[in-house]
PDB file of N, CA and C in Angstrom:
ATOM      1  N   UNK A   1      98.605  90.886 117.347  1.00  0.00           N
ATOM      2  CA  UNK A   1      98.630  89.437 117.246  1.00  0.00           C
ATOM      3  C   UNK A   1     100.010  89.006 116.789  1.00  0.00           C
ATOM      4  N   UNK A   2     100.544  88.008 117.441  1.00  0.00           N
ATOM      5  CA  UNK A   2     101.874  87.538 117.068  1.00  0.00           C
ATOM      6  C   UNK A   2     101.797  86.652 115.828  1.00  0.00           C
ATOM      7  N   UNK A   3     102.931  86.498 115.162  1.00  0.00           N
ATOM      8  CA  UNK A   3     102.977  85.664 113.963  1.00  0.00           C
ATOM      9  C   UNK A   3     102.625  84.223 114.294  1.00  0.00           C
ATOM     10  N   UNK A   4     103.041  83.754 115.463  1.00  0.00           N
ATOM     11  CA  UNK A   4     102.738  82.383 115.866  1.00  0.00           C
ATOM     12  C   UNK A   4     101.254  82.138 115.988  1.00  0.00           C
ATOM     13  N   UNK A   5     100.545  83.094 116.573  1.00  0.00           N
ATOM     14  CA  UNK A   5      99.089  82.958 116.719  1.00  0.00           C
ATOM     15  C   UNK A   5      98.405  83.011 115.361  1.00  0.00           C
ATOM     16  N   UNK A   6      98.880  83.886 114.480  1.00  0.00           N
ATOM     17  CA  UNK A   6      98.281  84.007 113.159  1.00  0.00           C
ATOM     18  C   UNK A   6      98.459  82.720 112.364  1.00  0.00           C
ATOM     19  N   UNK A   7      99.579  82.047 112.536  1.00  0.00           N
ATOM     20  CA  UNK A   7      99.853  80.816 111.798  1.00  0.00           C
ATOM     21  C   UNK A   7      98.969  79.667 112.244  1.00  0.00           C
ATOM     22  N   UNK A   8      98.414  79.751 113.435  1.00  0.00           N
ATOM     23  CA  UNK A   8      97.612  78.660 113.971  1.00  0.00           C
ATOM     24  C   UNK A   8      96.120  78.854 113.735  1.00  0.00           C
ATOM     25  N   UNK A   9      95.734  79.948 113.113  1.00  0.00           N
ATOM     26  CA  UNK A   9      94.318  80.220 112.860  1.00  0.00           C
ATOM     27  C   UNK A   9      93.860  79.440 111.635  1.00  0.00           C
ATOM     28  N   UNK A  10      92.615  79.014 111.683  1.00  0.00           N
ATOM     29  CA  UNK A  10      92.025  78.332 110.533  1.00  0.00           C
ATOM     30  C   UNK A  10      91.703  79.361 109.460  1.00  0.00           C
ATOM     31  N   UNK A  11      91.400  78.897 108.268  1.00  0.00           N
ATOM     32  CA  UNK A  11      91.013  79.810 107.192  1.00  0.00           C
ATOM     33  C   UNK A  11      89.755  80.583 107.576  1.00  0.00           C
ATOM     34  N   UNK A  12      88.819  79.911 108.218  1.00  0.00           N
ATOM     35  CA  UNK A  12      87.581  80.570 108.641  1.00  0.00           C
ATOM     36  C   UNK A  12      87.885  81.677 109.648  1.00  0.00           C
ATOM     37  N   UNK A  13      88.737  81.375 110.626  1.00  0.00           N
ATOM     38  CA  UNK A  13      89.114  82.383 111.626  1.00  0.00           C
ATOM     39  C   UNK A  13      89.848  83.553 110.981  1.00  0.00           C
ATOM     40  N   UNK A  14      90.703  83.253 110.025  1.00  0.00           N
ATOM     41  CA  UNK A  14      91.459  84.297 109.344  1.00  0.00           C
ATOM     42  C   UNK A  14      90.527  85.189 108.525  1.00  0.00           C
ATOM     43  N   UNK A  15      89.549  84.601 107.857  1.00  0.00           N
ATOM     44  CA  UNK A  15      88.577  85.385 107.094  1.00  0.00           C
ATOM     45  C   UNK A  15      87.747  86.272 108.017  1.00  0.00           C
ATOM     46  N   UNK A  16      87.371  85.746 109.161  1.00  0.00           N
ATOM     47  CA  UNK A  16      86.616  86.535 110.142  1.00  0.00           C
ATOM     48  C   UNK A  16      87.453  87.701 110.632  1.00  0.00           C
ATOM     49  N   UNK A  17      88.712  87.443 110.951  1.00  0.00           N
ATOM     50  CA  UNK A  17      89.617  88.498 111.405  1.00  0.00           C
ATOM     51  C   UNK A  17      89.804  89.561 110.316  1.00  0.00           C
ATOM     52  N   UNK A  18      89.933  89.128 109.083  1.00  0.00           N
ATOM     53  CA  UNK A  18      90.077  90.047 107.958  1.00  0.00           C
ATOM     54  C   UNK A  18      88.866  90.969 107.867  1.00  0.00           C
ATOM     55  N   UNK A  19      87.686  90.398 108.003  1.00  0.00           N
ATOM     56  CA  UNK A  19      86.476  91.220 107.922  1.00  0.00           C
ATOM     57  C   UNK A  19      86.373  92.176 109.110  1.00  0.00           C
ATOM     58  N   UNK A  20      86.696  91.696 110.298  1.00  0.00           N
ATOM     59  CA  UNK A  20      86.609  92.545 111.492  1.00  0.00           C
ATOM     60  C   UNK A  20      87.602  93.701 111.450  1.00  0.00           C
ATOM     61  N   UNK A  21      88.788  93.463 110.934  1.00  0.00           N
ATOM     62  CA  UNK A  21      89.827  94.490 110.969  1.00  0.00           C
ATOM     63  C   UNK A  21      89.834  95.407 109.748  1.00  0.00           C
ATOM     64  N   UNK A  22      89.354  94.914 108.601  1.00  0.00           N
ATOM     65  CA  UNK A  22      89.428  95.720 107.384  1.00  0.00           C
ATOM     66  C   UNK A  22      88.088  95.947 106.698  1.00  0.00           C
ATOM     67  N   UNK A  23      87.090  95.149 107.064  1.00  0.00           N
ATOM     68  CA  UNK A  23      85.790  95.250 106.396  1.00  0.00           C
ATOM     69  C   UNK A  23      85.728  94.451 105.105  1.00  0.00           C
ATOM     70  N   UNK A  24      86.801  93.739 104.776  1.00  0.00           N
ATOM     71  CA  UNK A  24      86.844  92.938 103.549  1.00  0.00           C
ATOM     72  C   UNK A  24      86.270  91.560 103.834  1.00  0.00           C
ATOM     73  N   UNK A  25      85.297  91.150 103.018  1.00  0.00           N
ATOM     74  CA  UNK A  25      84.695  89.833 103.174  1.00  0.00           C
ATOM     75  C   UNK A  25      85.299  88.889 102.136  1.00  0.00           C
ATOM     76  N   UNK A  26      85.778  87.754 102.613  1.00  0.00           N
ATOM     77  CA  UNK A  26      86.415  86.772 101.745  1.00  0.00           C
ATOM     78  C   UNK A  26      86.076  85.390 102.285  1.00  0.00           C
ATOM     79  N   UNK A  27      85.636  84.483 101.409  1.00  0.00           N
ATOM     80  CA  UNK A  27      85.339  83.127 101.887  1.00  0.00           C
ATOM     81  C   UNK A  27      86.641  82.342 102.012  1.00  0.00           C
ATOM     82  N   UNK A  28      86.599  81.290 102.816  1.00  0.00           N
ATOM     83  CA  UNK A  28      87.838  80.544 103.088  1.00  0.00           C
ATOM     84  C   UNK A  28      88.421  79.915 101.830  1.00  0.00           C
ATOM     85  N   UNK A  29      87.574  79.508 100.888  1.00  0.00           N
ATOM     86  CA  UNK A  29      88.090  78.930  99.646  1.00  0.00           C
ATOM     87  C   UNK A  29      88.873  79.970  98.841  1.00  0.00           C
ATOM     88  N   UNK A  30      88.363  81.191  98.807  1.00  0.00           N
ATOM     89  CA  UNK A  30      89.061  82.263  98.079  1.00  0.00           C
ATOM     90  C   UNK A  30      90.396  82.587  98.728  1.00  0.00           C
ATOM     91  N   UNK A  31      90.406  82.628 100.062  1.00  0.00           N
ATOM     92  CA  UNK A  31      91.660  82.882 100.771  1.00  0.00           C
ATOM     93  C   UNK A  31      92.659  81.761 100.506  1.00  0.00           C
ATOM     94  N   UNK A  32      92.198  80.534 100.565  1.00  0.00           N
ATOM     95  CA  UNK A  32      93.073  79.386 100.332  1.00  0.00           C
ATOM     96  C   UNK A  32      93.689  79.421  98.933  1.00  0.00           C
ATOM     97  N   UNK A  33      92.907  79.852  97.943  1.00  0.00           N
ATOM     98  CA  UNK A  33      93.410  79.913  96.569  1.00  0.00           C
ATOM     99  C   UNK A  33      94.507  80.970  96.411  1.00  0.00           C
ATOM    100  N   UNK A  34      94.543  81.925  97.308  1.00  0.00           N
ATOM    101  CA  UNK A  34      95.555  82.985  97.227  1.00  0.00           C
ATOM    102  C   UNK A  34      96.907  82.550  97.796  1.00  0.00           C
ATOM    103  N   UNK A  35      96.933  81.442  98.502  1.00  0.00           N
ATOM    104  CA  UNK A  35      98.187  80.916  99.029  1.00  0.00           C
ATOM    105  C   UNK A  35      98.861  80.087  97.941  1.00  0.00           C
ATOM    106  N   UNK A  36      99.975  80.571  97.447  1.00  0.00           N
ATOM    107  CA  UNK A  36     100.725  79.864  96.414  1.00  0.00           C
ATOM    108  C   UNK A  36     102.205  80.101  96.668  1.00  0.00           C
ATOM    109  N   UNK A  37     103.031  79.394  95.943  1.00  0.00           N
ATOM    110  CA  UNK A  37     104.483  79.585  96.091  1.00  0.00           C
ATOM    111  C   UNK A  37     104.865  81.024  95.761  1.00  0.00           C
ATOM    112  N   UNK A  38     104.225  81.600  94.740  1.00  0.00           N
ATOM    113  CA  UNK A  38     104.522  82.985  94.354  1.00  0.00           C
ATOM    114  C   UNK A  38     104.104  83.968  95.445  1.00  0.00           C
ATOM    115  N   UNK A  39     102.933  83.754  96.028  1.00  0.00           N
ATOM    116  CA  UNK A  39     102.475  84.687  97.061  1.00  0.00           C
ATOM    117  C   UNK A  39     103.328  84.576  98.316  1.00  0.00           C
ATOM    118  N   UNK A  40     103.771  83.383  98.657  1.00  0.00           N
ATOM    119  CA  UNK A  40     104.632  83.199  99.821  1.00  0.00           C
ATOM    120  C   UNK A  40     105.973  83.889  99.583  1.00  0.00           C
ATOM    121  N   UNK A  41     106.537  83.728  98.413  1.00  0.00           N
ATOM    122  CA  UNK A  41     107.803  84.380  98.066  1.00  0.00           C
ATOM    123  C   UNK A  41     107.658  85.898  98.135  1.00  0.00           C
ATOM    124  N   UNK A  42     106.557  86.410  97.594  1.00  0.00           N
ATOM    125  CA  UNK A  42     106.299  87.844  97.620  1.00  0.00           C
ATOM    126  C   UNK A  42     106.204  88.356  99.053  1.00  0.00           C
ATOM    127  N   UNK A  43     105.421  87.691  99.880  1.00  0.00           N
ATOM    128  CA  UNK A  43     105.249  88.138 101.265  1.00  0.00           C
ATOM    129  C   UNK A  43     106.556  88.062 102.054  1.00  0.00           C
ATOM    130  N   UNK A  44     107.349  87.029 101.811  1.00  0.00           N
ATOM    131  CA  UNK A  44     108.648  86.936 102.479  1.00  0.00           C
ATOM    132  C   UNK A  44     109.520  88.129 102.116  1.00  0.00           C
ATOM    133  N   UNK A  45     109.515  88.503 100.848  1.00  0.00           N
ATOM    134  CA  UNK A  45     110.319  89.638 100.382  1.00  0.00           C
ATOM    135  C   UNK A  45     109.833  90.939 101.013  1.00  0.00           C
ATOM    136  N   UNK A  46     108.525  91.122 101.092  1.00  0.00           N
ATOM    137  CA  UNK A  46     107.963  92.327 101.707  1.00  0.00           C
ATOM    138  C   UNK A  46     108.380  92.414 103.175  1.00  0.00           C
ATOM    139  N   UNK A  47     108.258  91.306 103.900  1.00  0.00           N
ATOM    140  CA  UNK A  47     108.617  91.293 105.319  1.00  0.00           C
ATOM    141  C   UNK A  47     110.114  91.553 105.492  1.00  0.00           C
ATOM    142  N   UNK A  48     110.943  90.936 104.657  1.00  0.00           N
ATOM    143  CA  UNK A  48     112.386  91.158 104.738  1.00  0.00           C
ATOM    144  C   UNK A  48     112.724  92.632 104.534  1.00  0.00           C
ATOM    145  N   UNK A  49     112.093  93.260 103.546  1.00  0.00           N
ATOM    146  CA  UNK A  49     112.372  94.665 103.270  1.00  0.00           C
ATOM    147  C   UNK A  49     111.893  95.567 104.405  1.00  0.00           C
ATOM    148  N   UNK A  50     110.748  95.257 104.981  1.00  0.00           N
ATOM    149  CA  UNK A  50     110.252  96.040 106.115  1.00  0.00           C
ATOM    150  C   UNK A  50     111.184  95.934 107.317  1.00  0.00           C
ATOM    151  N   UNK A  51     111.638  94.727 107.590  1.00  0.00           N
ATOM    152  CA  UNK A  51     112.564  94.529 108.707  1.00  0.00           C
ATOM    153  C   UNK A  51     113.865  95.275 108.449  1.00  0.00           C
ATOM    154  N   UNK A  52     114.347  95.212 107.233  1.00  0.00           N
ATOM    155  CA  UNK A  52     115.593  95.903 106.888  1.00  0.00           C
ATOM    156  C   UNK A  52     115.439  97.410 107.059  1.00  0.00           C
ATOM    157  N   UNK A  53     114.321  97.979 106.604  1.00  0.00           N
ATOM    158  CA  UNK A  53     114.091  99.422 106.739  1.00  0.00           C
ATOM    159  C   UNK A  53     113.988  99.819 108.207  1.00  0.00           C
ATOM    160  N   UNK A  54     113.269  99.037 108.987  1.00  0.00           N
ATOM    161  CA  UNK A  54     113.138  99.342 110.408  1.00  0.00           C
ATOM    162  C   UNK A  54     114.493  99.227 111.099  1.00  0.00           C
ATOM    163  N   UNK A  55     115.265  98.246 110.714  1.00  0.00           N
ATOM    164  CA  UNK A  55     116.585  98.046 111.292  1.00  0.00           C
ATOM    165  C   UNK A  55     117.476  99.245 110.976  1.00  0.00           C
ATOM    166  N   UNK A  56     117.446  99.716 109.738  1.00  0.00           N
ATOM    167  CA  UNK A  56     118.243 100.872 109.341  1.00  0.00           C
ATOM    168  C   UNK A  56     117.828 102.109 110.127  1.00  0.00           C
ATOM    169  N   UNK A  57     116.538 102.343 110.273  1.00  0.00           N
ATOM    170  CA  UNK A  57     116.045 103.503 111.014  1.00  0.00           C
ATOM    171  C   UNK A  57     116.447 103.417 112.475  1.00  0.00           C
ATOM    172  N   UNK A  58     116.345 102.233 113.046  1.00  0.00           N
ATOM    173  CA  UNK A  58     116.692 102.041 114.454  1.00  0.00           C
ATOM    174  C   UNK A  58     118.173 102.329 114.662  1.00  0.00           C
ATOM    175  N   UNK A  59     119.006 101.815 113.789  1.00  0.00           N
ATOM    176  CA  UNK A  59     120.447 102.009 113.934  1.00  0.00           C
ATOM    177  C   UNK A  59     120.811 103.474 113.807  1.00  0.00           C
ATOM    178  N   UNK A  60     120.195 104.189 112.866  1.00  0.00           N
ATOM    179  CA  UNK A  60     120.510 105.595 112.692  1.00  0.00           C
ATOM    180  C   UNK A  60     120.113 106.398 113.921  1.00  0.00           C
ATOM    181  N   UNK A  61     118.930 106.166 114.441  1.00  0.00           N
ATOM    182  CA  UNK A  61     118.483 106.941 115.596  1.00  0.00           C
ATOM    183  C   UNK A  61     119.266 106.574 116.850  1.00  0.00           C
ATOM    184  N   UNK A  62     119.673 105.324 116.975  1.00  0.00           N
ATOM    185  CA  UNK A  62     120.423 104.890 118.148  1.00  0.00           C
ATOM    186  C   UNK A  62     121.793 105.534 118.216  1.00  0.00           C
ATOM    187  N   UNK A  63     122.451 105.622 117.082  1.00  0.00           N
ATOM    188  CA  UNK A  63     123.819 106.111 117.056  1.00  0.00           C
ATOM    189  C   UNK A  63     123.929 107.611 116.805  1.00  0.00           C
ATOM    190  N   UNK A  64     122.820 108.310 116.613  1.00  0.00           N
ATOM    191  CA  UNK A  64     122.893 109.741 116.328  1.00  0.00           C
ATOM    192  C   UNK A  64     123.370 110.538 117.525  1.00  0.00           C
ATOM    193  N   UNK A  65     123.256 109.991 118.734  1.00  0.00           N
ATOM    194  CA  UNK A  65     123.710 110.691 119.943  1.00  0.00           C
ATOM    195  C   UNK A  65     125.215 110.630 120.130  1.00  0.00           C
ATOM    196  N   UNK A  66     125.880 109.775 119.391  1.00  0.00           N
ATOM    197  CA  UNK A  66     127.331 109.619 119.538  1.00  0.00           C
ATOM    198  C   UNK A  66     128.053 110.373 118.437  1.00  0.00           C
ATOM    199  N   UNK A  67     129.219 110.919 118.794  1.00  0.00           N
ATOM    200  CA  UNK A  67     130.005 111.661 117.793  1.00  0.00           C
ATOM    201  C   UNK A  67     131.244 110.890 117.422  1.00  0.00           C
TER     202      UNK A  67
END
């Protein structure tokens, strides 16, 4: 699922997807309460670090064939 599609899902749809993919049951009110400035900042940092790590790995493997 792309990030764009995930952003357009309702809380109910997101809770259903969470249960289908992980088995975790969460009501929409509980999910909504977890969205805060702190959680958004945390998730942004996690995504940035993941992208950076993947970028580093990609660059190393791409250039390893060259001397």
